[in-house]
Amino acid sequence: MALTQKGAARRRKRTEELERPAYGWIYKPLLTLLVIYLAVCVGLGIWWSRTPVLFDVEQAVIDQRGTAAQAPASRGAVTTASLMTLVETLLEKPGGYLRNDIAPPGVWLDNMPAWELGVLTQARRLSVALPAMEQAAMPALEDVQQRLAGDSGDWLYPSTERRLNQALESLDGYLQALDRDGEAAFGARGQGLAAWLETVTRSLDDLGLRLSASIGPRAELRDLDIDAEALPARTAWYRVDDVFFEARGQAWALIHLLRAVQRDQADVLDAAGLTARWEALIAELELSQRRLWSPLVLNGSGFGIFANHSLVLANHMIRARDLSWALSEQLAAATPATGDEAGADVASEAAEASPTAAPAPAMPAPESEGAVPAETQTAEQAPAASADSEAPATGADASAVDAEASSGAATVGDAPARGEAEPEEAPEASPSEDAVDSDEATAEAGDDSESGAKPQE
């Protein structure tokens, strides 16, 4: 009887297990796979977030030109090859282009996508300046500018990677044109350099303001000579690292582009005496690429236990901005402007029109040589013409002349002093009128009438 009951219990237990199986053991391997997946994503995220090392611009020219590297190239080959290497770095670094990723682990990262945006920003600005540096019209440069100007976060067709590859193809065609003698080359007088440096100055100034905006109390900026009123809204705590790595990306790209431009325009910089300052700008940007030992971008204050990485980087950006601004000003003064000859012609014509006008002083900056004399001559001629044509005017006419002289003095540089002096010369016309009305007095006066003959002449 007992054996029968035991057998029935075993059969009943077996039936229950088949009808209601216990699947609790399945969660253990699934949980294990999830942990392994997360560990792999974290490892890939750390690896993909490492900033690429600086490359040699001379080696970049050899790699981009290939078999044609043995032959000499035209001016601009180093800059073009360096721009190509920057774009290739965005595509071929570990993880590839991450800014438009929609799947883990790329979608979880923010430091490297911000760095990519900084590099792409400087590549775009150089592509805009390349047509001004080139001495001939090259459609390939316009195509490069259009390809790089797209949205950096596009992942649908055409994706950002596709547009970057198309930009590389256009740059490669332009580099081949530089290899052929006389077909394409940068201007030998540094055309477009000053304009490009002005855009670099504006970008560095913007980065300095954005980095400084991460500081909480604005009173801490007084010692740094930063206008707190000009700062944008305070950066959110979760965006501080994005601004930091975007600034590092722009500085990383500028180091290579400045080195490349220095190779291509070495004679222009030497002639202007700007080589030392140019190298100082590169050295200042290299300081911003020092290794970040902290795993997080800290936003401390004062002499506390935590550093303020954004403020340190802002100091480098501001100093680099000042150097870039000085370089752009000196290059603009050293590089002849296209309108100098026209300005000189306008000044000579104005001098012929007014023989009594004093010669215009020489200005140190070539840009203002044509503009200042033209304004000076216009200011001198306008009062003289009004005085000659309206000398007999009295009453209401004289008040109208004075009103026109005062309005001209308010709009033309040094005209107020000259506009006041001209009406005093109006009585000189009275001897001529007396001489015209009294011919007999002139004949009897003899030599005494010479003072009235001069105005007639």
Protein backbone atom coordinates (compact mmCIF):
# COMPACT_ATOMS: atom_id res chain seq x y z
CA MET A 1 0.00 0.00 0.00
CA ALA A 2 2.81 2.37 0.87
CA LEU A 3 4.63 1.54 -2.32
CA THR A 4 1.52 2.31 -4.31
CA GLN A 5 1.14 5.70 -2.65
CA LYS A 6 4.79 6.57 -3.25
CA GLY A 7 4.51 5.64 -6.93
CA ALA A 8 1.39 7.73 -7.33
CA ALA A 9 3.09 10.72 -5.71
CA ARG A 10 6.05 10.46 -8.09
CA ARG A 11 3.77 10.27 -11.11
CA ARG A 12 1.78 13.26 -9.89
CA LYS A 13 4.96 15.32 -9.31
CA ARG A 14 6.24 14.44 -12.77
CA THR A 15 2.95 15.53 -14.30
CA GLU A 16 3.00 18.84 -12.48
CA GLU A 17 6.55 19.58 -13.65
CA LEU A 18 5.58 18.90 -17.26
CA GLU A 19 2.43 21.00 -17.05
CA ARG A 20 3.98 23.83 -15.01
CA PRO A 21 7.74 23.83 -15.80
CA ALA A 22 10.08 26.03 -13.70
CA TYR A 23 11.94 28.49 -15.99
CA GLY A 24 13.80 30.42 -13.30
CA TRP A 25 17.18 29.18 -14.53
CA ILE A 26 16.82 31.09 -17.84
CA TYR A 27 17.23 34.51 -16.15
CA LYS A 28 20.75 33.71 -15.01
CA PRO A 29 22.33 33.33 -18.50
CA LEU A 30 20.34 36.33 -19.76
CA LEU A 31 21.60 38.45 -16.91
CA THR A 32 25.12 37.23 -17.59
CA LEU A 33 24.86 38.19 -21.28
CA LEU A 34 23.56 41.64 -20.33
CA VAL A 35 26.47 42.24 -17.98
CA ILE A 36 28.95 41.15 -20.65
CA TYR A 37 27.28 43.45 -23.22
CA LEU A 38 27.45 46.43 -20.87
CA ALA A 39 31.09 45.71 -20.06
CA VAL A 40 31.93 45.58 -23.77
CA CYS A 41 30.05 48.85 -24.40
CA VAL A 42 31.88 50.57 -21.56
CA GLY A 43 35.24 49.33 -22.86
CA LEU A 44 34.43 50.46 -26.41
CA GLY A 45 33.21 53.82 -25.10
CA ILE A 46 36.48 54.42 -23.28
CA TRP A 47 38.49 53.38 -26.32
CA TRP A 48 36.42 55.44 -28.77
CA SER A 49 36.59 58.51 -26.52
CA ARG A 50 40.37 58.78 -26.75
CA THR A 51 41.48 61.83 -28.70
CA PRO A 52 43.62 61.06 -31.78
CA VAL A 53 47.26 62.09 -31.56
CA LEU A 54 48.67 65.00 -33.54
CA PHE A 55 49.95 64.11 -37.00
CA ASP A 56 52.80 65.55 -39.06
CA VAL A 57 51.58 67.81 -41.86
CA GLU A 58 54.62 67.01 -44.00
CA GLN A 59 53.89 63.29 -43.76
CA ALA A 60 50.25 64.02 -44.55
CA VAL A 61 51.30 65.55 -47.88
CA ILE A 62 53.30 62.44 -48.75
CA ASP A 63 50.43 60.14 -47.83
CA GLN A 64 47.80 62.11 -49.73
CA ARG A 65 49.83 62.68 -52.90
CA GLY A 66 50.99 59.08 -53.15
CA THR A 67 53.26 58.40 -56.11
CA ALA A 68 53.26 62.09 -57.08
CA ALA A 69 54.96 63.04 -53.80
CA GLN A 70 58.39 62.91 -55.45
CA ALA A 71 57.55 65.81 -57.77
CA PRO A 72 57.22 69.37 -56.45
CA ALA A 73 53.71 70.71 -55.91
CA SER A 74 52.28 74.19 -56.13
CA ARG A 75 51.72 76.47 -53.16
CA GLY A 76 48.78 75.20 -51.11
CA ALA A 77 49.44 71.46 -51.27
CA VAL A 78 50.28 71.18 -47.56
CA THR A 79 47.11 73.00 -46.50
CA THR A 80 44.93 70.89 -48.79
CA ALA A 81 46.52 67.62 -47.66
CA SER A 82 46.15 68.57 -44.00
CA LEU A 83 42.47 69.38 -44.50
CA MET A 84 42.01 65.99 -46.13
CA THR A 85 43.71 64.28 -43.22
CA LEU A 86 41.43 66.08 -40.76
CA VAL A 87 38.35 64.79 -42.57
CA GLU A 88 39.82 61.29 -42.82
CA THR A 89 40.52 61.32 -39.08
CA LEU A 90 36.82 61.90 -38.41
CA LEU A 91 35.95 58.86 -40.51
CA GLU A 92 38.77 56.44 -39.69
CA LYS A 93 39.49 56.99 -35.99
CA PRO A 94 38.39 54.25 -33.52
CA GLY A 95 34.63 54.01 -33.72
CA GLY A 96 34.45 56.09 -36.88
CA TYR A 97 32.20 59.13 -37.02
CA LEU A 98 30.10 58.98 -33.83
CA ARG A 99 28.11 62.21 -33.88
CA ASN A 100 25.19 60.71 -35.82
CA ASP A 101 25.11 57.28 -34.11
CA ILE A 102 21.68 56.02 -33.05
CA ALA A 103 22.76 52.76 -31.37
CA PRO A 104 24.93 51.94 -28.34
CA PRO A 105 27.63 52.56 -27.43
CA GLY A 106 27.98 55.60 -29.72
CA VAL A 107 24.62 57.06 -28.75
CA TRP A 108 25.70 57.06 -25.09
CA LEU A 109 28.84 59.09 -25.75
CA ASP A 110 28.98 62.88 -25.73
CA ASN A 111 32.63 63.87 -25.33
CA MET A 112 33.89 62.50 -28.64
CA PRO A 113 30.88 63.72 -30.68
CA ALA A 114 31.51 67.22 -29.27
CA TRP A 115 35.20 66.91 -30.22
CA GLU A 116 34.19 65.87 -33.75
CA LEU A 117 31.98 68.95 -34.01
CA GLY A 118 34.95 71.17 -33.10
CA VAL A 119 37.17 69.60 -35.78
CA LEU A 120 34.39 69.81 -38.37
CA THR A 121 33.78 73.48 -37.52
CA GLN A 122 37.36 74.49 -38.33
CA ALA A 123 37.35 72.34 -41.47
CA ARG A 124 34.25 74.18 -42.65
CA ARG A 125 35.76 77.60 -42.01
CA LEU A 126 38.92 76.76 -43.91
CA SER A 127 36.86 75.43 -46.82
CA VAL A 128 35.06 78.80 -46.94
CA ALA A 129 38.41 80.65 -47.02
CA LEU A 130 40.08 78.44 -49.65
CA PRO A 131 38.52 80.14 -52.72
CA ALA A 132 39.92 83.48 -51.53
CA MET A 133 43.39 81.96 -51.08
CA GLU A 134 43.33 80.34 -54.53
CA GLN A 135 44.47 82.58 -57.37
CA ALA A 136 42.21 80.88 -59.95
CA ALA A 137 38.55 79.86 -59.92
CA MET A 138 38.29 76.19 -58.93
CA PRO A 139 34.80 74.59 -58.87
CA ALA A 140 36.13 71.78 -56.69
CA LEU A 141 36.56 74.18 -53.76
CA GLU A 142 32.94 75.29 -53.99
CA ASP A 143 31.88 71.64 -53.92
CA VAL A 144 33.99 71.01 -50.82
CA GLN A 145 32.37 73.93 -49.06
CA GLN A 146 28.88 72.63 -49.85
CA ARG A 147 29.68 69.06 -48.73
CA LEU A 148 31.11 70.11 -45.39
CA ALA A 149 28.29 72.57 -44.65
CA GLY A 150 25.64 69.86 -44.12
CA ASP A 151 24.12 68.82 -40.81
CA SER A 152 26.68 67.00 -38.69
CA GLY A 153 24.03 64.70 -37.17
CA ASP A 154 22.44 63.29 -40.34
CA TRP A 155 22.24 59.49 -40.35
CA LEU A 156 19.66 59.04 -43.12
CA TYR A 157 20.59 59.29 -46.79
CA PRO A 158 22.69 61.25 -47.53
CA SER A 159 24.45 60.66 -44.24
CA THR A 160 27.22 62.83 -42.88
CA GLU A 161 29.78 60.11 -43.66
CA ARG A 162 28.71 60.12 -47.31
CA ARG A 163 29.08 63.88 -47.60
CA LEU A 164 32.50 63.77 -45.94
CA ASN A 165 33.66 61.14 -48.44
CA GLN A 166 32.40 63.31 -51.30
CA ALA A 167 34.32 66.27 -49.87
CA LEU A 168 37.45 64.10 -49.79
CA GLU A 169 37.00 63.25 -53.45
CA SER A 170 36.75 66.92 -54.37
CA LEU A 171 39.79 67.79 -52.26
CA ASP A 172 41.74 64.98 -53.92
CA GLY A 173 40.88 66.41 -57.34
CA TYR A 174 42.06 69.85 -56.23
CA LEU A 175 45.28 68.36 -54.85
CA GLN A 176 45.94 66.75 -58.22
CA ALA A 177 45.40 70.12 -59.86
CA LEU A 178 48.04 71.55 -57.52
CA ASP A 179 50.46 68.87 -58.70
CA ARG A 180 50.16 70.07 -62.29
CA ASP A 181 52.23 73.16 -62.98
CA GLY A 182 50.31 76.40 -63.24
CA GLU A 183 46.80 74.95 -63.13
CA ALA A 184 46.07 75.82 -59.49
CA ALA A 185 48.02 77.41 -56.64
CA PHE A 186 47.59 79.70 -53.66
CA GLY A 187 48.32 83.37 -54.16
CA ALA A 188 51.97 84.27 -53.71
CA ARG A 189 51.13 87.42 -51.70
CA GLY A 190 49.11 85.79 -48.94
CA GLN A 191 45.64 86.56 -50.28
CA GLY A 192 42.86 85.42 -47.99
CA LEU A 193 45.08 84.81 -44.95
CA ALA A 194 43.94 87.85 -43.00
CA ALA A 195 40.25 87.06 -43.63
CA TRP A 196 40.71 83.46 -42.49
CA LEU A 197 42.50 84.57 -39.34
CA GLU A 198 39.63 86.92 -38.56
CA THR A 199 37.21 83.97 -38.60
CA VAL A 200 39.63 82.03 -36.37
CA THR A 201 39.71 84.98 -33.98
CA ARG A 202 35.93 85.09 -33.78
CA SER A 203 35.70 81.36 -33.12
CA LEU A 204 38.31 81.52 -30.36
CA ASP A 205 36.54 84.49 -28.78
CA ASP A 206 33.25 82.59 -28.84
CA LEU A 207 34.86 79.56 -27.23
CA GLY A 208 36.39 81.71 -24.51
CA LEU A 209 33.00 83.18 -23.66
CA ARG A 210 31.24 79.82 -23.65
CA LEU A 211 33.88 78.24 -21.47
CA SER A 212 33.76 81.15 -19.05
CA ALA A 213 29.97 80.90 -18.89
CA SER A 214 30.28 77.60 -17.00
CA ILE A 215 31.42 79.49 -13.88
CA GLY A 216 28.69 79.92 -11.31
CA PRO A 217 29.34 83.26 -9.54
CA ARG A 218 30.09 85.87 -12.22
CA ALA A 219 32.05 87.90 -9.67
CA GLU A 220 34.94 85.43 -10.07
CA LEU A 221 35.49 86.71 -13.62
CA ARG A 222 36.48 90.21 -12.54
CA ASP A 223 40.06 89.18 -11.84
CA LEU A 224 40.29 87.65 -15.34
CA ASP A 225 39.27 90.87 -17.14
CA ILE A 226 36.18 89.19 -18.59
CA ASP A 227 33.01 91.18 -19.16
CA ALA A 228 30.35 89.20 -17.33
CA GLU A 229 27.60 91.12 -19.10
CA ALA A 230 28.76 89.82 -22.49
CA LEU A 231 28.68 86.18 -21.42
CA PRO A 232 25.88 83.90 -22.61
CA ALA A 233 23.57 82.14 -20.21
CA ARG A 234 25.23 79.86 -17.71
CA THR A 235 26.11 76.47 -19.15
CA ALA A 236 24.12 73.59 -17.69
CA TRP A 237 26.14 71.19 -15.57
CA TYR A 238 25.57 68.30 -18.00
CA ARG A 239 26.80 70.45 -20.95
CA VAL A 240 30.06 71.64 -19.42
CA ASP A 241 32.03 68.68 -20.78
CA ASP A 242 30.49 69.13 -24.26
CA VAL A 243 31.71 72.72 -24.53
CA PHE A 244 35.10 71.69 -23.13
CA PHE A 245 35.69 68.93 -25.70
CA GLU A 246 34.34 71.03 -28.56
CA ALA A 247 36.94 73.67 -27.71
CA ARG A 248 39.67 71.01 -27.60
CA GLY A 249 38.53 69.73 -30.99
CA GLN A 250 38.74 73.17 -32.57
CA ALA A 251 42.17 73.74 -31.05
CA TRP A 252 43.35 70.31 -32.29
CA ALA A 253 42.27 71.13 -35.84
CA LEU A 254 43.73 74.65 -35.74
CA ILE A 255 47.16 73.32 -34.72
CA HIS A 256 47.40 71.32 -37.95
CA LEU A 257 45.88 73.98 -40.18
CA LEU A 258 48.18 76.69 -38.84
CA ARG A 259 51.22 74.47 -39.32
CA ALA A 260 50.12 73.69 -42.87
CA VAL A 261 49.50 77.33 -43.77
CA GLN A 262 52.89 78.21 -42.29
CA ARG A 263 54.54 75.71 -44.67
CA ASP A 264 52.70 77.06 -47.69
CA GLN A 265 53.08 80.77 -46.87
CA ALA A 266 56.49 80.73 -45.16
CA ASP A 267 57.90 83.47 -47.40
CA VAL A 268 54.89 85.74 -46.80
CA LEU A 269 55.15 85.35 -43.03
CA ASP A 270 58.91 85.92 -43.07
CA ALA A 271 58.55 89.06 -45.17
CA ALA A 272 55.96 90.42 -42.75
CA GLY A 273 58.03 89.40 -39.71
CA LEU A 274 55.21 87.26 -38.26
CA THR A 275 56.86 83.85 -38.05
CA ALA A 276 57.65 84.09 -34.33
CA ARG A 277 54.13 85.21 -33.45
CA TRP A 278 52.64 82.53 -35.67
CA GLU A 279 54.63 79.87 -33.81
CA ALA A 280 53.56 81.40 -30.49
CA LEU A 281 49.92 80.95 -31.52
CA ILE A 282 50.55 77.28 -32.32
CA ALA A 283 52.34 76.78 -29.01
CA GLU A 284 49.42 78.32 -27.10
CA LEU A 285 46.99 75.96 -28.79
CA GLU A 286 49.24 72.99 -28.06
CA LEU A 287 48.98 73.78 -24.35
CA SER A 288 45.24 73.19 -24.60
CA GLN A 289 45.90 69.60 -25.71
CA ARG A 290 47.59 68.47 -22.52
CA ARG A 291 46.29 65.24 -21.05
CA LEU A 292 43.19 65.44 -18.87
CA TRP A 293 43.99 63.26 -15.86
CA SER A 294 40.57 63.53 -14.29
CA PRO A 295 37.89 61.12 -15.57
CA LEU A 296 35.42 64.02 -15.40
CA VAL A 297 35.54 67.65 -16.50
CA LEU A 298 35.54 69.42 -13.15
CA ASN A 299 33.97 72.79 -12.53
CA GLY A 300 35.51 73.86 -9.23
CA SER A 301 36.19 77.35 -8.00
CA GLY A 302 38.94 79.33 -6.34
CA PHE A 303 41.63 77.31 -4.55
CA GLY A 304 39.32 74.45 -3.64
CA ILE A 305 40.14 70.76 -3.89
CA PHE A 306 38.53 70.58 -7.34
CA ALA A 307 39.96 72.29 -10.40
CA ASN A 308 38.03 74.28 -12.98
CA HIS A 309 39.06 72.74 -16.28
CA SER A 310 36.78 74.98 -18.33
CA LEU A 311 38.33 78.14 -16.91
CA VAL A 312 41.87 76.89 -17.56
CA LEU A 313 40.99 76.12 -21.17
CA ALA A 314 39.25 79.50 -21.49
CA ASN A 315 42.52 81.23 -20.58
CA HIS A 316 44.30 79.42 -23.41
CA MET A 317 41.54 80.32 -25.86
CA ILE A 318 41.63 84.00 -24.90
CA ARG A 319 45.40 84.23 -25.26
CA ALA A 320 45.21 82.44 -28.61
CA ARG A 321 42.47 84.85 -29.66
CA ASP A 322 44.68 87.86 -28.91
CA LEU A 323 47.56 86.38 -30.91
CA SER A 324 45.29 85.55 -33.83
CA TRP A 325 43.83 89.05 -33.84
CA ALA A 326 47.29 90.63 -33.87
CA LEU A 327 48.33 88.37 -36.75
CA SER A 328 45.26 89.22 -38.79
CA GLU A 329 45.81 92.96 -38.27
CA GLN A 330 49.46 92.81 -39.27
CA LEU A 331 48.76 90.59 -42.27
CA ALA A 332 46.02 92.96 -43.42
CA ALA A 333 48.52 95.80 -43.21
CA ALA A 334 51.32 93.88 -44.92
CA THR A 335 49.20 92.32 -47.67
CA PRO A 336 48.24 94.82 -50.39
CA ALA A 337 44.51 95.33 -50.72
CA THR A 338 42.84 95.12 -54.10
CA GLY A 339 41.40 98.62 -53.80
CA ASP A 340 44.68 100.49 -53.16
CA GLU A 341 45.24 101.61 -56.74
CA ALA A 342 41.66 102.84 -57.03
CA GLY A 343 42.03 104.77 -53.80
CA ALA A 344 45.24 106.38 -55.02
CA ASP A 345 43.55 107.45 -58.26
CA VAL A 346 40.67 109.03 -56.35
CA ALA A 347 43.12 110.94 -54.16
CA SER A 348 45.10 112.25 -57.15
CA GLU A 349 41.94 113.40 -58.94
CA ALA A 350 40.77 115.18 -55.81
CA ALA A 351 44.16 116.88 -55.44
CA GLU A 352 43.98 118.13 -59.05
CA ALA A 353 40.47 119.46 -58.48
CA SER A 354 41.60 121.55 -55.46
CA PRO A 355 45.12 122.95 -56.08
CA THR A 356 45.18 124.85 -52.77
CA ALA A 357 44.52 121.71 -50.73
CA ALA A 358 47.39 120.40 -48.65
CA PRO A 359 48.81 116.98 -49.61
CA ALA A 360 47.33 114.08 -47.63
CA PRO A 361 49.65 112.56 -45.03
CA ALA A 362 50.95 109.04 -45.55
CA MET A 363 49.08 106.45 -43.44
CA PRO A 364 50.82 103.43 -41.96
CA ALA A 365 48.11 100.97 -42.96
CA PRO A 366 47.73 100.37 -46.73
CA GLU A 367 44.00 99.78 -46.32
CA SER A 368 43.38 103.38 -45.24
CA GLU A 369 45.66 105.09 -47.74
CA GLY A 370 42.93 105.42 -50.35
CA ALA A 371 40.07 106.12 -47.97
CA VAL A 372 41.44 108.92 -45.78
CA PRO A 373 42.66 111.24 -48.59
CA ALA A 374 39.37 110.82 -50.45
CA GLU A 375 37.40 111.86 -47.39
CA THR A 376 39.80 114.73 -46.73
CA GLN A 377 39.57 116.04 -50.27
CA THR A 378 35.78 115.77 -50.26
CA ALA A 379 35.59 117.73 -47.05
CA GLU A 380 37.80 120.48 -48.51
CA GLN A 381 36.05 120.68 -51.85
CA ALA A 382 32.50 120.82 -50.52
CA PRO A 383 32.93 124.00 -48.44
CA ALA A 384 35.02 125.65 -51.18
CA ALA A 385 32.35 125.00 -53.82
CA SER A 386 29.60 126.28 -51.60
CA ALA A 387 31.61 129.42 -50.77
CA ASP A 388 32.37 130.21 -54.44
CA SER A 389 28.84 129.63 -55.69
CA GLU A 390 26.94 131.26 -52.84
CA ALA A 391 29.26 134.09 -51.80
CA PRO A 392 26.76 136.87 -52.66
CA ALA A 393 23.98 135.16 -50.71
CA THR A 394 22.66 137.06 -47.70
CA GLY A 395 19.90 136.60 -45.15
CA ALA A 396 18.06 133.30 -45.64
CA ASP A 397 20.57 132.10 -48.27
CA ALA A 398 23.45 132.55 -45.86
CA SER A 399 21.63 130.60 -43.14
CA ALA A 400 21.05 127.76 -45.64
CA VAL A 401 24.75 127.70 -46.48
CA ASP A 402 25.62 127.56 -42.77
CA ALA A 403 23.17 124.69 -42.26
CA GLU A 404 24.71 122.72 -45.14
CA ALA A 405 28.21 123.34 -43.78
CA SER A 406 27.19 122.17 -40.30
CA SER A 407 25.53 119.01 -41.68
CA GLY A 408 28.64 118.22 -43.72
CA ALA A 409 30.80 118.73 -40.64
CA ALA A 410 28.75 116.19 -38.70
CA THR A 411 29.25 113.44 -41.27
CA VAL A 412 32.78 113.82 -42.63
CA GLY A 413 35.75 113.18 -40.25
CA ASP A 414 37.70 116.45 -39.90
CA ALA A 415 35.13 118.67 -41.65
CA PRO A 416 33.84 120.57 -38.55
CA ALA A 417 37.02 122.66 -38.26
CA ARG A 418 37.18 123.30 -41.98
CA GLY A 419 33.47 124.04 -42.27
CA GLU A 420 33.87 126.79 -39.69
CA ALA A 421 36.93 128.32 -41.37
CA GLU A 422 35.46 128.55 -44.89
CA PRO A 423 32.72 131.19 -44.22
CA GLU A 424 35.43 133.54 -42.94
CA GLU A 425 37.01 133.49 -46.43
CA ALA A 426 33.74 134.65 -48.07
CA PRO A 427 34.51 138.43 -47.69
CA GLU A 428 37.49 137.90 -50.04
CA ALA A 429 35.01 137.88 -52.91
CA SER A 430 33.91 141.47 -52.17
CA PRO A 431 37.07 143.04 -53.72
CA SER A 432 36.34 141.19 -56.94
CA GLU A 433 32.76 142.46 -57.00
CA ASP A 434 33.95 146.06 -56.36
CA ALA A 435 36.50 145.64 -59.11
CA VAL A 436 33.86 144.43 -61.58
CA ASP A 437 31.35 147.18 -60.70
CA SER A 438 33.91 150.07 -60.68
CA ASP A 439 36.19 149.79 -63.70
CA GLU A 440 37.05 153.50 -63.50
CA ALA A 441 38.22 153.13 -59.90
CA THR A 442 40.41 150.25 -60.96
CA ALA A 443 42.00 152.28 -63.78
CA GLU A 444 42.73 155.25 -61.49
CA ALA A 445 44.02 153.08 -58.65
CA GLY A 446 46.82 151.67 -60.82
CA ASP A 447 49.07 149.49 -58.74
CA ASP A 448 46.73 149.75 -55.74
CA SER A 449 44.14 147.57 -57.52
CA GLU A 450 46.35 144.45 -57.53
CA SER A 451 44.66 143.27 -54.37
CA GLY A 452 41.34 143.12 -56.31
CA ALA A 453 42.87 141.50 -59.40
CA LYS A 454 43.91 138.37 -57.57
CA PRO A 455 40.36 137.23 -56.83
CA GLN A 456 39.47 137.81 -60.53
CA GLU A 457 42.26 135.53 -61.64
